[in-house]
């Protein structure tokens, strides 16, 4: 297993099995190189994906060597797929995925990780005493542009009649958001953990927005995408990767403390911070993803395609992409055939 850093930087628009003990879970099995190297773009996040990555479960299930490419935005995954340098994107947000499908990027959504909910949220300085939308006027807010957090931030401004001339919105990847916060260069940030957790630990407080924004249609999720050419040539590897994630999710759902003890160090935070972050997400089990509420099954698209279409329409309004497509395009942009096999 190798790690690569792709550019500076989650999701910008394109420019465990039950019964496992902690000792067993921490035992790393060697990867087997029976297929060509798989290039996977991933985010350092406090999620079950970090269990499967750190324990080598992805390699084992895919029977392949994996070149791990750390990214800071979905745009980097989109660009990597276009260039042919990325085969899989793990954790790409629904916003860049909607943009990618709209722009004809040759990949399919093959699974989802979570319904993000409150896990991505506005964090403000407690000392700034920001209590209402009007208090954001004149403030500097950072977020990774084109990300799910950016989607929510723009939704927050729009629903509260705040213009971009009244606030300064800065495009910064998570690690630069943390640095800017520590320097006092920004007043607020819309971002995910572990960056969010660092801000909260350094004088930040949550300014709750997600519930209102979800109700107004600004639903966001994290997904797994696979490049068409790679998936068609290596269906067993794609299925194995999804099965490995399902194993990690099962470990978290059945033994959350043990899971957090693995996720924390893998994400660079304590087990306690990881446990708190993990509780904020609505992780959707693989079998549930195959229901009409979510991704659906082959030939029977689920409701999530409409969320992608709505997101794309929003991005058009923001001039992030040129056009959105009909619902059928987003339904075709989801391929659950690998997920069905992983569940089976």
C-alpha atoms as a PDB file:
ATOM      1  CA  UNK A   1       0.000   0.000   0.000  1.00  0.00           C
ATOM      2  CA  UNK A   2       1.307   3.424  -0.933  1.00  0.00           C
ATOM      3  CA  UNK A   3       0.044   6.901  -0.206  1.00  0.00           C
ATOM      4  CA  UNK A   4       0.140   9.850  -2.554  1.00  0.00           C
ATOM      5  CA  UNK A   5      -0.892  13.430  -1.907  1.00  0.00           C
ATOM      6  CA  UNK A   6      -2.861  14.901  -4.795  1.00  0.00           C
ATOM      7  CA  UNK A   7      -2.466  18.646  -4.804  1.00  0.00           C
ATOM      8  CA  UNK A   8      -3.240  21.032  -2.003  1.00  0.00           C
ATOM      9  CA  UNK A   9      -6.440  20.927  -0.648  1.00  0.00           C
ATOM     10  CA  UNK A  10     -12.919  17.230  -0.258  1.00  0.00           C
ATOM     11  CA  UNK A  11     -15.220  17.648  -2.982  1.00  0.00           C
ATOM     12  CA  UNK A  12     -14.695  20.739  -5.225  1.00  0.00           C
ATOM     13  CA  UNK A  13     -16.440  20.993  -8.571  1.00  0.00           C
ATOM     14  CA  UNK A  14     -14.182  20.137 -11.525  1.00  0.00           C
ATOM     15  CA  UNK A  15     -11.545  23.343 -12.957  1.00  0.00           C
ATOM     16  CA  UNK A  16     -15.950  -4.845  10.701  1.00  0.00           C
ATOM     17  CA  UNK A  17     -17.342  -7.899  11.245  1.00  0.00           C
ATOM     18  CA  UNK A  18     -19.342  -8.589  14.430  1.00  0.00           C
ATOM     19  CA  UNK A  19     -17.391 -10.417  17.088  1.00  0.00           C
ATOM     20  CA  UNK A  20     -13.963  -9.114  16.126  1.00  0.00           C
ATOM     21  CA  UNK A  21     -11.771  -8.266  19.108  1.00  0.00           C
ATOM     22  CA  UNK A  22      -9.653  -5.154  19.056  1.00  0.00           C
ATOM     23  CA  UNK A  23      -6.453  -7.162  18.659  1.00  0.00           C
ATOM     24  CA  UNK A  24      -7.859  -9.037  15.685  1.00  0.00           C
ATOM     25  CA  UNK A  25      -9.196  -5.857  14.161  1.00  0.00           C
ATOM     26  CA  UNK A  26      -5.796  -4.242  14.415  1.00  0.00           C
ATOM     27  CA  UNK A  27      -4.000  -7.121  12.709  1.00  0.00           C
ATOM     28  CA  UNK A  28      -2.941  -6.021   9.278  1.00  0.00           C
ATOM     29  CA  UNK A  29      -3.139  -8.591   6.483  1.00  0.00           C
ATOM     30  CA  UNK A  30      -0.774  -8.161   3.552  1.00  0.00           C
ATOM     31  CA  UNK A  31      -2.169  -6.964   0.260  1.00  0.00           C
ATOM     32  CA  UNK A  32      -2.109  -9.351  -2.648  1.00  0.00           C
ATOM     33  CA  UNK A  33      -1.314  -8.012  -6.099  1.00  0.00           C
ATOM     34  CA  UNK A  34      -3.468 -10.223  -8.339  1.00  0.00           C
ATOM     35  CA  UNK A  35      -4.851  -7.317 -10.362  1.00  0.00           C
ATOM     36  CA  UNK A  36      -3.220  -4.093 -11.576  1.00  0.00           C
ATOM     37  CA  UNK A  37      -2.627  -1.366  -9.021  1.00  0.00           C
ATOM     38  CA  UNK A  38      -5.830   0.437  -8.092  1.00  0.00           C
ATOM     39  CA  UNK A  39      -5.577   4.194  -7.668  1.00  0.00           C
ATOM     40  CA  UNK A  40      -8.039   5.348  -5.021  1.00  0.00           C
ATOM     41  CA  UNK A  41      -8.713   8.947  -4.049  1.00  0.00           C
ATOM     42  CA  UNK A  42      -9.709   9.297  -0.413  1.00  0.00           C
ATOM     43  CA  UNK A  43     -10.174  11.839   2.360  1.00  0.00           C
ATOM     44  CA  UNK A  44      -8.654  11.704   5.825  1.00  0.00           C
ATOM     45  CA  UNK A  45     -11.902  11.576   7.775  1.00  0.00           C
ATOM     46  CA  UNK A  46     -13.237  10.122  10.995  1.00  0.00           C
ATOM     47  CA  UNK A  47     -15.281   7.398   9.288  1.00  0.00           C
ATOM     48  CA  UNK A  48     -15.331   3.595   9.018  1.00  0.00           C
ATOM     49  CA  UNK A  49     -13.498   3.902   5.696  1.00  0.00           C
ATOM     50  CA  UNK A  50     -10.357   4.570   7.727  1.00  0.00           C
ATOM     51  CA  UNK A  51     -10.752   1.162   9.393  1.00  0.00           C
ATOM     52  CA  UNK A  52     -10.782  -0.703   6.084  1.00  0.00           C
ATOM     53  CA  UNK A  53      -7.890   1.419   4.794  1.00  0.00           C
ATOM     54  CA  UNK A  54      -5.623   1.198   7.823  1.00  0.00           C
ATOM     55  CA  UNK A  55      -6.196  -2.529   8.314  1.00  0.00           C
ATOM     56  CA  UNK A  56      -5.605  -3.438   4.674  1.00  0.00           C
ATOM     57  CA  UNK A  57      -9.129  -4.767   4.201  1.00  0.00           C
ATOM     58  CA  UNK A  58      -9.592  -2.937   0.910  1.00  0.00           C
ATOM     59  CA  UNK A  59      -6.484  -4.549  -0.602  1.00  0.00           C
ATOM     60  CA  UNK A  60      -7.388  -7.952   0.741  1.00  0.00           C
ATOM     61  CA  UNK A  61     -10.934  -7.866  -0.636  1.00  0.00           C
ATOM     62  CA  UNK A  62      -9.909  -6.368  -3.985  1.00  0.00           C
ATOM     63  CA  UNK A  63      -6.941  -8.769  -4.266  1.00  0.00           C
ATOM     64  CA  UNK A  64      -4.858  -5.851  -5.467  1.00  0.00           C
ATOM     65  CA  UNK A  65      -2.203  -3.349  -4.530  1.00  0.00           C
ATOM     66  CA  UNK A  66      -3.753   0.053  -3.848  1.00  0.00           C
ATOM     67  CA  UNK A  67      -2.112   3.397  -4.427  1.00  0.00           C
ATOM     68  CA  UNK A  68      -3.853   5.692  -1.954  1.00  0.00           C
ATOM     69  CA  UNK A  69      -4.146   9.274  -3.177  1.00  0.00           C
ATOM     70  CA  UNK A  70      -5.109  11.719  -0.449  1.00  0.00           C
ATOM     71  CA  UNK A  71      -7.358  14.480  -1.761  1.00  0.00           C
ATOM     72  CA  UNK A  72      -8.778  17.633  -0.238  1.00  0.00           C
ATOM     73  CA  UNK A  73     -11.752  18.062  -2.575  1.00  0.00           C
ATOM     74  CA  UNK A  74     -14.147  16.198  -4.818  1.00  0.00           C
ATOM     75  CA  UNK A  75     -12.831  18.306  -7.683  1.00  0.00           C
ATOM     76  CA  UNK A  76      -9.552  16.469  -7.348  1.00  0.00           C
ATOM     77  CA  UNK A  77     -11.384  13.151  -7.667  1.00  0.00           C
ATOM     78  CA  UNK A  78     -13.290  14.454 -10.691  1.00  0.00           C
ATOM     79  CA  UNK A  79     -10.086  15.675 -12.312  1.00  0.00           C
ATOM     80  CA  UNK A  80      -8.303  12.412 -11.506  1.00  0.00           C
ATOM     81  CA  UNK A  81     -11.032  10.327 -13.118  1.00  0.00           C
ATOM     82  CA  UNK A  82     -11.010  12.525 -16.219  1.00  0.00           C
ATOM     83  CA  UNK A  83      -7.240  12.137 -16.449  1.00  0.00           C
ATOM     84  CA  UNK A  84      -7.460   8.392 -15.867  1.00  0.00           C
ATOM     85  CA  UNK A  85      -5.208   8.661 -12.830  1.00  0.00           C
ATOM     86  CA  UNK A  86      -7.930   7.666 -10.335  1.00  0.00           C
ATOM     87  CA  UNK A  87     -10.029   4.506 -10.538  1.00  0.00           C
ATOM     88  CA  UNK A  88     -12.115   4.885  -7.375  1.00  0.00           C
ATOM     89  CA  UNK A  89     -13.165   7.885  -5.303  1.00  0.00           C
ATOM     90  CA  UNK A  90     -14.126   7.176  -1.696  1.00  0.00           C
ATOM     91  CA  UNK A  91     -15.976   9.883   0.215  1.00  0.00           C
ATOM     92  CA  UNK A  92     -16.715  12.206  -2.710  1.00  0.00           C
ATOM     93  CA  UNK A  93     -19.589  14.508  -1.821  1.00  0.00           C
ATOM     94  CA  UNK A  94     -22.960  14.635  -3.537  1.00  0.00           C
ATOM     95  CA  UNK A  95     -22.228  18.132  -4.887  1.00  0.00           C
ATOM     96  CA  UNK A  96     -19.141  17.254  -6.962  1.00  0.00           C
ATOM     97  CA  UNK A  97     -20.767  13.933  -7.907  1.00  0.00           C
ATOM     98  CA  UNK A  98     -23.800  15.784  -9.277  1.00  0.00           C
ATOM     99  CA  UNK A  99     -21.435  18.116 -11.121  1.00  0.00           C
ATOM    100  CA  UNK A 100     -19.460  15.184 -12.476  1.00  0.00           C
ATOM    101  CA  UNK A 101     -22.517  13.395 -13.844  1.00  0.00           C
ATOM    102  CA  UNK A 102     -23.783  16.654 -15.331  1.00  0.00           C
ATOM    103  CA  UNK A 103     -20.462  17.171 -17.118  1.00  0.00           C
ATOM    104  CA  UNK A 104     -20.217  13.627 -18.424  1.00  0.00           C
ATOM    105  CA  UNK A 105     -17.300  12.511 -16.275  1.00  0.00           C
ATOM    106  CA  UNK A 106     -16.950   8.761 -16.957  1.00  0.00           C
ATOM    107  CA  UNK A 107     -17.844   7.318 -13.584  1.00  0.00           C
ATOM    108  CA  UNK A 108     -20.806   5.890 -11.715  1.00  0.00           C
ATOM    109  CA  UNK A 109     -21.917   6.223  -8.116  1.00  0.00           C
ATOM    110  CA  UNK A 110     -21.529   2.633  -6.897  1.00  0.00           C
ATOM    111  CA  UNK A 111     -22.375   3.119  -3.205  1.00  0.00           C
ATOM    112  CA  UNK A 112     -22.799   5.739  -0.525  1.00  0.00           C
ATOM    113  CA  UNK A 113     -21.175   6.190   2.833  1.00  0.00           C
ATOM    114  CA  UNK A 114     -23.533   8.395   4.739  1.00  0.00           C
ATOM    115  CA  UNK A 115     -26.216  10.997   4.957  1.00  0.00           C
ATOM    116  CA  UNK A 116     -24.035  13.782   6.335  1.00  0.00           C
ATOM    117  CA  UNK A 117     -26.574  15.569   8.536  1.00  0.00           C
ATOM    118  CA  UNK A 118     -24.869  17.616  11.280  1.00  0.00           C
ATOM    119  CA  UNK A 119     -21.402  16.181  10.643  1.00  0.00           C
ATOM    120  CA  UNK A 120     -20.644  19.138   8.353  1.00  0.00           C
ATOM    121  CA  UNK A 121     -21.681  22.349  10.012  1.00  0.00           C
ATOM    122  CA  UNK A 122     -20.878  26.007  10.469  1.00  0.00           C
ATOM    123  CA  UNK A 123     -18.291  26.683  13.157  1.00  0.00           C
ATOM    124  CA  UNK A 124     -17.858  30.221  14.465  1.00  0.00           C
ATOM    125  CA  UNK A 125     -15.575  31.852  17.013  1.00  0.00           C
ATOM    126  CA  UNK A 126     -17.259  31.969  20.408  1.00  0.00           C
ATOM    127  CA  UNK A 127     -15.595  35.333  21.009  1.00  0.00           C
ATOM    128  CA  UNK A 128     -17.339  36.843  17.963  1.00  0.00           C
ATOM    129  CA  UNK A 129     -20.757  36.324  19.596  1.00  0.00           C
ATOM    130  CA  UNK A 130     -22.433  35.322  16.328  1.00  0.00           C
ATOM    131  CA  UNK A 131     -26.047  34.546  17.274  1.00  0.00           C
ATOM    132  CA  UNK A 132     -28.082  35.363  14.152  1.00  0.00           C
ATOM    133  CA  UNK A 133     -27.632  35.385  10.357  1.00  0.00           C
ATOM    134  CA  UNK A 134     -27.231  39.157  10.440  1.00  0.00           C
ATOM    135  CA  UNK A 135     -24.159  38.737  12.658  1.00  0.00           C
ATOM    136  CA  UNK A 136     -22.295  37.155   9.713  1.00  0.00           C
ATOM    137  CA  UNK A 137     -22.194  40.470   7.854  1.00  0.00           C
ATOM    138  CA  UNK A 138     -18.602  41.582   7.430  1.00  0.00           C
ATOM    139  CA  UNK A 139     -17.243  38.200   8.523  1.00  0.00           C
ATOM    140  CA  UNK A 140     -14.789  35.957   6.710  1.00  0.00           C
ATOM    141  CA  UNK A 141     -16.045  32.392   6.212  1.00  0.00           C
ATOM    142  CA  UNK A 142     -13.867  29.642   4.776  1.00  0.00           C
ATOM    143  CA  UNK A 143     -14.959  26.437   3.029  1.00  0.00           C
ATOM    144  CA  UNK A 144     -13.588  24.184   0.278  1.00  0.00           C
ATOM    145  CA  UNK A 145     -15.284  25.535  -2.861  1.00  0.00           C
ATOM    146  CA  UNK A 146     -17.638  23.193  -4.706  1.00  0.00           C
ATOM    147  CA  UNK A 147     -17.796  20.850  -1.710  1.00  0.00           C
ATOM    148  CA  UNK A 148     -20.871  19.671   0.116  1.00  0.00           C
ATOM    149  CA  UNK A 149     -19.936  22.189   2.805  1.00  0.00           C
ATOM    150  CA  UNK A 150     -19.800  24.953   0.184  1.00  0.00           C
ATOM    151  CA  UNK A 151     -23.229  23.813  -1.085  1.00  0.00           C
ATOM    152  CA  UNK A 152     -24.627  24.132   2.433  1.00  0.00           C
ATOM    153  CA  UNK A 153     -22.878  27.455   3.079  1.00  0.00           C
ATOM    154  CA  UNK A 154     -24.308  29.023  -0.079  1.00  0.00           C
ATOM    155  CA  UNK A 155     -27.695  27.597   0.874  1.00  0.00           C
ATOM    156  CA  UNK A 156     -27.386  29.226   4.283  1.00  0.00           C
ATOM    157  CA  UNK A 157     -26.568  32.609   2.749  1.00  0.00           C
ATOM    158  CA  UNK A 158     -29.342  32.310   0.178  1.00  0.00           C
ATOM    159  CA  UNK A 159     -32.062  31.280   2.629  1.00  0.00           C
ATOM    160  CA  UNK A 160     -31.082  34.119   4.956  1.00  0.00           C
ATOM    161  CA  UNK A 161     -30.883  36.787   2.241  1.00  0.00           C
ATOM    162  CA  UNK A 162     -27.167  37.343   2.763  1.00  0.00           C
ATOM    163  CA  UNK A 163     -25.281  38.359  -0.354  1.00  0.00           C
ATOM    164  CA  UNK A 164     -21.672  37.612  -1.217  1.00  0.00           C
ATOM    165  CA  UNK A 165     -21.024  41.335  -0.958  1.00  0.00           C
ATOM    166  CA  UNK A 166     -21.976  41.222   2.725  1.00  0.00           C
ATOM    167  CA  UNK A 167     -19.683  38.358   3.712  1.00  0.00           C
ATOM    168  CA  UNK A 168     -16.282  37.230   2.480  1.00  0.00           C
ATOM    169  CA  UNK A 169     -16.261  33.564   1.461  1.00  0.00           C
ATOM    170  CA  UNK A 170     -12.798  32.070   1.101  1.00  0.00           C
ATOM    171  CA  UNK A 171     -11.870  28.890  -0.772  1.00  0.00           C
ATOM    172  CA  UNK A 172      -9.592  26.881   1.538  1.00  0.00           C
ATOM    173  CA  UNK A 173      -9.013  23.126   1.958  1.00  0.00           C
ATOM    174  CA  UNK A 174      -9.492  21.701   5.463  1.00  0.00           C
ATOM    175  CA  UNK A 175      -5.868  21.871   6.623  1.00  0.00           C
ATOM    176  CA  UNK A 176      -5.575  25.475   5.472  1.00  0.00           C
ATOM    177  CA  UNK A 177      -8.843  26.321   7.217  1.00  0.00           C
ATOM    178  CA  UNK A 178      -7.334  25.110  10.484  1.00  0.00           C
ATOM    179  CA  UNK A 179      -4.176  27.151   9.906  1.00  0.00           C
ATOM    180  CA  UNK A 180      -6.141  30.287   8.988  1.00  0.00           C
ATOM    181  CA  UNK A 181      -8.302  29.841  12.087  1.00  0.00           C
ATOM    182  CA  UNK A 182      -5.266  29.579  14.350  1.00  0.00           C
ATOM    183  CA  UNK A 183      -3.818  32.756  12.804  1.00  0.00           C
ATOM    184  CA  UNK A 184      -7.087  34.599  13.365  1.00  0.00           C
ATOM    185  CA  UNK A 185      -7.569  35.183   9.624  1.00  0.00           C
ATOM    186  CA  UNK A 186     -11.135  33.831   9.491  1.00  0.00           C
ATOM    187  CA  UNK A 187     -14.209  34.209  11.680  1.00  0.00           C
ATOM    188  CA  UNK A 188     -16.087  31.072  10.679  1.00  0.00           C
ATOM    189  CA  UNK A 189     -15.811  27.937   8.585  1.00  0.00           C
ATOM    190  CA  UNK A 190     -18.150  25.381   7.053  1.00  0.00           C
ATOM    191  CA  UNK A 191     -16.218  22.119   7.023  1.00  0.00           C
ATOM    192  CA  UNK A 192     -16.097  18.515   8.248  1.00  0.00           C
ATOM    193  CA  UNK A 193     -13.999  16.761  10.888  1.00  0.00           C
ATOM    194  CA  UNK A 194     -11.226  16.325  11.794  1.00  0.00           C
ATOM    195  CA  UNK A 195     -10.824  19.985  10.754  1.00  0.00           C
ATOM    196  CA  UNK A 196     -14.132  20.933  12.380  1.00  0.00           C
ATOM    197  CA  UNK A 197     -13.118  19.192  15.600  1.00  0.00           C
ATOM    198  CA  UNK A 198      -9.880  21.185  15.666  1.00  0.00           C
ATOM    199  CA  UNK A 199     -11.768  24.466  15.320  1.00  0.00           C
ATOM    200  CA  UNK A 200     -14.178  23.505  18.097  1.00  0.00           C
ATOM    201  CA  UNK A 201     -11.226  22.660  20.337  1.00  0.00           C
ATOM    202  CA  UNK A 202      -9.689  26.071  19.630  1.00  0.00           C
ATOM    203  CA  UNK A 203     -12.408  28.476  20.669  1.00  0.00           C
ATOM    204  CA  UNK A 204     -15.065  27.484  18.151  1.00  0.00           C
ATOM    205  CA  UNK A 205     -18.741  26.738  18.654  1.00  0.00           C
ATOM    206  CA  UNK A 206     -21.301  25.204  16.329  1.00  0.00           C
ATOM    207  CA  UNK A 207     -23.765  27.568  14.669  1.00  0.00           C
ATOM    208  CA  UNK A 208     -26.548  25.122  13.803  1.00  0.00           C
ATOM    209  CA  UNK A 209     -27.791  25.264  10.214  1.00  0.00           C
ATOM    210  CA  UNK A 210     -28.142  21.693   8.959  1.00  0.00           C
ATOM    211  CA  UNK A 211     -31.718  20.950  10.099  1.00  0.00           C
ATOM    212  CA  UNK A 212     -33.218  23.983   8.379  1.00  0.00           C
ATOM    213  CA  UNK A 213     -31.093  23.455   5.276  1.00  0.00           C
ATOM    214  CA  UNK A 214     -32.011  19.763   5.028  1.00  0.00           C
ATOM    215  CA  UNK A 215     -35.683  20.729   5.199  1.00  0.00           C
ATOM    216  CA  UNK A 216     -35.155  23.236   2.387  1.00  0.00           C
ATOM    217  CA  UNK A 217     -33.581  20.628   0.112  1.00  0.00           C
ATOM    218  CA  UNK A 218     -29.866  21.112   0.839  1.00  0.00           C
ATOM    219  CA  UNK A 219     -29.366  17.436   1.617  1.00  0.00           C
ATOM    220  CA  UNK A 220     -25.762  16.271   1.331  1.00  0.00           C
ATOM    221  CA  UNK A 221     -24.173  12.826   1.321  1.00  0.00           C
ATOM    222  CA  UNK A 222     -20.814  11.121   0.835  1.00  0.00           C
ATOM    223  CA  UNK A 223     -20.474   8.586  -1.946  1.00  0.00           C
ATOM    224  CA  UNK A 224     -18.179   6.082  -3.637  1.00  0.00           C
ATOM    225  CA  UNK A 225     -17.626   6.443  -7.379  1.00  0.00           C
ATOM    226  CA  UNK A 226     -15.855   4.121  -9.804  1.00  0.00           C
ATOM    227  CA  UNK A 227     -14.389   5.039 -13.181  1.00  0.00           C
ATOM    228  CA  UNK A 228     -16.366   3.278 -15.908  1.00  0.00           C
ATOM    229  CA  UNK A 229     -13.407   1.729 -17.703  1.00  0.00           C
ATOM    230  CA  UNK A 230     -11.898   0.381 -14.509  1.00  0.00           C
ATOM    231  CA  UNK A 231     -15.188  -0.965 -13.135  1.00  0.00           C
ATOM    232  CA  UNK A 232     -16.059  -2.751 -16.374  1.00  0.00           C
ATOM    233  CA  UNK A 233     -12.626  -4.382 -16.507  1.00  0.00           C
ATOM    234  CA  UNK A 234     -12.415  -5.192 -12.776  1.00  0.00           C
ATOM    235  CA  UNK A 235     -15.935  -5.861 -11.428  1.00  0.00           C
ATOM    236  CA  UNK A 236     -14.696  -8.239  -8.713  1.00  0.00           C
ATOM    237  CA  UNK A 237     -12.326  -5.578  -7.370  1.00  0.00           C
ATOM    238  CA  UNK A 238     -15.115  -2.983  -7.159  1.00  0.00           C
ATOM    239  CA  UNK A 239     -17.384  -5.498  -5.433  1.00  0.00           C
ATOM    240  CA  UNK A 240     -14.588  -6.396  -3.019  1.00  0.00           C
ATOM    241  CA  UNK A 241     -13.941  -2.771  -2.117  1.00  0.00           C
ATOM    242  CA  UNK A 242     -17.616  -2.264  -1.287  1.00  0.00           C
ATOM    243  CA  UNK A 243     -17.682  -5.482   0.752  1.00  0.00           C
ATOM    244  CA  UNK A 244     -14.623  -4.336   2.701  1.00  0.00           C
ATOM    245  CA  UNK A 245     -16.326  -1.058   3.514  1.00  0.00           C
ATOM    246  CA  UNK A 246     -19.417  -2.976   4.634  1.00  0.00           C
ATOM    247  CA  UNK A 247     -17.215  -5.012   6.966  1.00  0.00           C
ATOM    248  CA  UNK A 248     -15.747  -1.852   8.473  1.00  0.00           C
ATOM    249  CA  UNK A 249     -19.176  -0.270   8.881  1.00  0.00           C
ATOM    250  CA  UNK A 250     -20.404  -3.417  10.604  1.00  0.00           C
ATOM    251  CA  UNK A 251     -17.491  -3.225  13.041  1.00  0.00           C
ATOM    252  CA  UNK A 252     -18.425   0.353  13.889  1.00  0.00           C
ATOM    253  CA  UNK A 253     -22.123  -0.457  14.283  1.00  0.00           C
ATOM    254  CA  UNK A 254     -21.499  -3.482  16.502  1.00  0.00           C
ATOM    255  CA  UNK A 255     -18.365  -2.391  18.382  1.00  0.00           C
ATOM    256  CA  UNK A 256     -18.217   1.416  18.222  1.00  0.00           C
ATOM    257  CA  UNK A 257     -15.550   1.830  20.894  1.00  0.00           C
ATOM    258  CA  UNK A 258     -13.168  -0.568  19.172  1.00  0.00           C
ATOM    259  CA  UNK A 259     -13.891   1.082  15.834  1.00  0.00           C
ATOM    260  CA  UNK A 260     -13.152   4.539  17.233  1.00  0.00           C
ATOM    261  CA  UNK A 261      -9.861   3.240  18.638  1.00  0.00           C
ATOM    262  CA  UNK A 262      -8.821   2.411  15.062  1.00  0.00           C
ATOM    263  CA  UNK A 263     -10.343   5.428  13.307  1.00  0.00           C
ATOM    264  CA  UNK A 264      -8.809   7.978  15.681  1.00  0.00           C
ATOM    265  CA  UNK A 265      -5.119   7.260  15.042  1.00  0.00           C
ATOM    266  CA  UNK A 266      -5.794   6.681  11.334  1.00  0.00           C
ATOM    267  CA  UNK A 267      -7.360  10.145  11.086  1.00  0.00           C
ATOM    268  CA  UNK A 268      -4.874  11.842  13.412  1.00  0.00           C
ATOM    269  CA  UNK A 269      -7.223  12.432  16.342  1.00  0.00           C
ATOM    270  CA  UNK A 270      -7.923  10.734  19.653  1.00  0.00           C
ATOM    271  CA  UNK A 271     -10.318   7.819  19.928  1.00  0.00           C
ATOM    272  CA  UNK A 272     -12.655  10.040  21.953  1.00  0.00           C
ATOM    273  CA  UNK A 273     -12.775  12.687  19.219  1.00  0.00           C
ATOM    274  CA  UNK A 274     -13.284  10.001  16.589  1.00  0.00           C
ATOM    275  CA  UNK A 275     -16.148   8.489  18.569  1.00  0.00           C
ATOM    276  CA  UNK A 276     -17.863  11.871  18.873  1.00  0.00           C
ATOM    277  CA  UNK A 277     -17.410  12.604  15.170  1.00  0.00           C
ATOM    278  CA  UNK A 278     -18.675   9.190  14.100  1.00  0.00           C
ATOM    279  CA  UNK A 279     -21.894   9.694  16.065  1.00  0.00           C
ATOM    280  CA  UNK A 280     -22.743  12.753  13.972  1.00  0.00           C
ATOM    281  CA  UNK A 281     -23.095  10.813  10.712  1.00  0.00           C
ATOM    282  CA  UNK A 282     -26.012   8.724   9.521  1.00  0.00           C
ATOM    283  CA  UNK A 283     -24.078   5.799   8.049  1.00  0.00           C
ATOM    284  CA  UNK A 284     -26.379   3.911   5.707  1.00  0.00           C
ATOM    285  CA  UNK A 285     -25.906   0.098   5.729  1.00  0.00           C
ATOM    286  CA  UNK A 286     -25.152  -1.423   2.337  1.00  0.00           C
ATOM    287  CA  UNK A 287     -28.435  -3.362   2.251  1.00  0.00           C
ATOM    288  CA  UNK A 288     -30.426  -0.220   3.083  1.00  0.00           C
ATOM    289  CA  UNK A 289     -28.732   1.634   0.231  1.00  0.00           C
ATOM    290  CA  UNK A 290     -30.459  -0.760  -2.167  1.00  0.00           C
ATOM    291  CA  UNK A 291     -33.914   0.446  -1.100  1.00  0.00           C
ATOM    292  CA  UNK A 292     -36.123   2.933  -2.949  1.00  0.00           C
ATOM    293  CA  UNK A 293     -35.340   5.585  -0.336  1.00  0.00           C
ATOM    294  CA  UNK A 294     -31.692   5.645  -1.351  1.00  0.00           C
ATOM    295  CA  UNK A 295     -29.900   4.251  -4.415  1.00  0.00           C
ATOM    296  CA  UNK A 296     -32.379   1.555  -5.438  1.00  0.00           C
ATOM    297  CA  UNK A 297     -31.497  -1.577  -7.402  1.00  0.00           C
ATOM    298  CA  UNK A 298     -30.476  -2.080 -11.050  1.00  0.00           C
ATOM    299  CA  UNK A 299     -33.482  -1.219 -13.170  1.00  0.00           C
ATOM    300  CA  UNK A 300     -35.300   0.315 -10.204  1.00  0.00           C
ATOM    301  CA  UNK A 301     -33.672   3.679  -9.375  1.00  0.00           C
ATOM    302  CA  UNK A 302     -34.020   5.053  -5.876  1.00  0.00           C
ATOM    303  CA  UNK A 303     -34.960   8.530  -4.700  1.00  0.00           C
ATOM    304  CA  UNK A 304     -31.362   9.690  -4.264  1.00  0.00           C
ATOM    305  CA  UNK A 305     -31.023  10.386  -7.992  1.00  0.00           C
ATOM    306  CA  UNK A 306     -33.492  13.247  -7.543  1.00  0.00           C
ATOM    307  CA  UNK A 307     -31.242  14.702  -4.833  1.00  0.00           C
ATOM    308  CA  UNK A 308     -28.348  14.678  -7.302  1.00  0.00           C
ATOM    309  CA  UNK A 309     -30.517  16.428  -9.890  1.00  0.00           C
ATOM    310  CA  UNK A 310     -31.595  19.086  -7.393  1.00  0.00           C
ATOM    311  CA  UNK A 311     -27.981  19.639  -6.397  1.00  0.00           C
ATOM    312  CA  UNK A 312     -26.993  20.034 -10.049  1.00  0.00           C
ATOM    313  CA  UNK A 313     -29.767  22.592 -10.583  1.00  0.00           C
ATOM    314  CA  UNK A 314     -28.416  24.558  -7.636  1.00  0.00           C
ATOM    315  CA  UNK A 315     -24.890  24.424  -9.049  1.00  0.00           C
ATOM    316  CA  UNK A 316     -26.178  25.800 -12.348  1.00  0.00           C
ATOM    317  CA  UNK A 317     -27.739  28.683 -10.454  1.00  0.00           C
ATOM    318  CA  UNK A 318     -24.366  29.324  -8.847  1.00  0.00           C
ATOM    319  CA  UNK A 319     -22.693  29.186 -12.273  1.00  0.00           C
ATOM    320  CA  UNK A 320     -20.512  26.305 -11.038  1.00  0.00           C
ATOM    321  CA  UNK A 321     -21.608  24.126 -13.958  1.00  0.00           C
ATOM    322  CA  UNK A 322     -23.237  25.061 -17.252  1.00  0.00           C
ATOM    323  CA  UNK A 323     -26.292  22.813 -17.183  1.00  0.00           C
ATOM    324  CA  UNK A 324     -28.220  20.187 -15.273  1.00  0.00           C
ATOM    325  CA  UNK A 325     -29.744  17.149 -16.916  1.00  0.00           C
ATOM    326  CA  UNK A 326     -33.008  15.232 -16.809  1.00  0.00           C
ATOM    327  CA  UNK A 327     -33.653  12.869 -13.924  1.00  0.00           C
ATOM    328  CA  UNK A 328     -32.852   9.841 -16.092  1.00  0.00           C
ATOM    329  CA  UNK A 329     -29.233  10.976 -16.444  1.00  0.00           C
ATOM    330  CA  UNK A 330     -28.706  10.964 -12.689  1.00  0.00           C
ATOM    331  CA  UNK A 331     -30.482   7.626 -12.385  1.00  0.00           C
ATOM    332  CA  UNK A 332     -28.092   6.225 -14.995  1.00  0.00           C
ATOM    333  CA  UNK A 333     -25.227   7.800 -13.067  1.00  0.00           C
ATOM    334  CA  UNK A 334     -25.872   5.304 -10.257  1.00  0.00           C
ATOM    335  CA  UNK A 335     -24.877   1.649 -10.741  1.00  0.00           C
ATOM    336  CA  UNK A 336     -25.796  -0.614  -7.827  1.00  0.00           C
ATOM    337  CA  UNK A 337     -24.912  -3.889  -9.547  1.00  0.00           C
ATOM    338  CA  UNK A 338     -21.615  -4.101  -7.617  1.00  0.00           C
ATOM    339  CA  UNK A 339     -23.362  -3.191  -4.377  1.00  0.00           C
ATOM    340  CA  UNK A 340     -25.882  -6.007  -4.886  1.00  0.00           C
ATOM    341  CA  UNK A 341     -23.038  -8.505  -5.248  1.00  0.00           C
ATOM    342  CA  UNK A 342     -21.226  -7.058  -2.200  1.00  0.00           C
ATOM    343  CA  UNK A 343     -24.346  -7.472  -0.070  1.00  0.00           C
ATOM    344  CA  UNK A 344     -24.900 -11.001  -1.375  1.00  0.00           C
END
